[in-house]
């Protein structure tokens, strides 16, 4: 994970100006953006503090949409501490507000992230239910990146419950959408498909998918996807009984991971994503998210923000 310290510096300057002007909404929006900037640099306590301050201001202003957005952001930041009940509660509160506001895009984004949280805590039935609801909303509104996101997460849930045919079907749909859009998430979807092939015993297909992902990752200069592709190739070699051959790709993949991910112990490293922002609170700008991972995406044309900070990687 990387972040630009200059972004946080600029936001702090903006925050100071809003404070001098007595612009409370501007302060809240800047604080929430500052929280996302802090998240990107790995300063999770500072990120949570900034978002909590934003949440307090939105509450004082009676800005319900701002509260929902901040709660969603807070849940994503809290997730990085591994305390899953807390972030799930925050996103559930956001979901309730989005529902009361009739904000369908907000509901879909929150449901998509809740699906990831539920999967991470082992509640696969609840995860699948949330993701299917999100998928339905994305389809209704024609938001294809959101569909790819929900399908990718749903594929992971299906794979982890042993339903490989359903997982393969969801991944194929996600890949088709990402290819149509020319989306960078295609590399990670290919890695996901490689993992699915490997756990189902088709090592040749798994290796082919990881190789395709590796080639694409290098073409788009995505070190995350390159690392996971190399790790996937290493696992394929191990599964085939080629321990020596596996050592090179797996080690190369590990070197490309941030230090905090390399030291998490056994099992595959988990990827985290940049926040997908569309403004915070009322009267803010709308920005099309660049999907560094097809997860918890926000709508391209909605006025709220739903940052996608949930983890992702080729989980076993």
Foldseek 3Di string as FASTA:
>chain_A
DAADVVLLVVLVVQLVVCVVVVPLLSNLQSLQVNLLRCVRHVNLVSSLVSLVVSLVSCVVVVQLLLNLQSLLSNLLSVVVVVPLVSSLVSLVVSLVSCVVVVPLLSNLLSLQVNLLSCVVVPNLVSSLVSLVSSLVSCVVVVQLLSNLASLQSNLVSCVVVPNLVSSVVSLVSSLVSCVVVVALQNLQSLQLVLLSCVVVPNLVSSLVSLVVSLVSCVVVVPLLSNLQSLLSNLVSCVVVVNNVVSVVSNVVSLVSDDPVQNPPDDFHGKAWWRFFFQTGTPPGHGDGGRPPHSGSHGGRPDNHGNTGGRIHGNGD
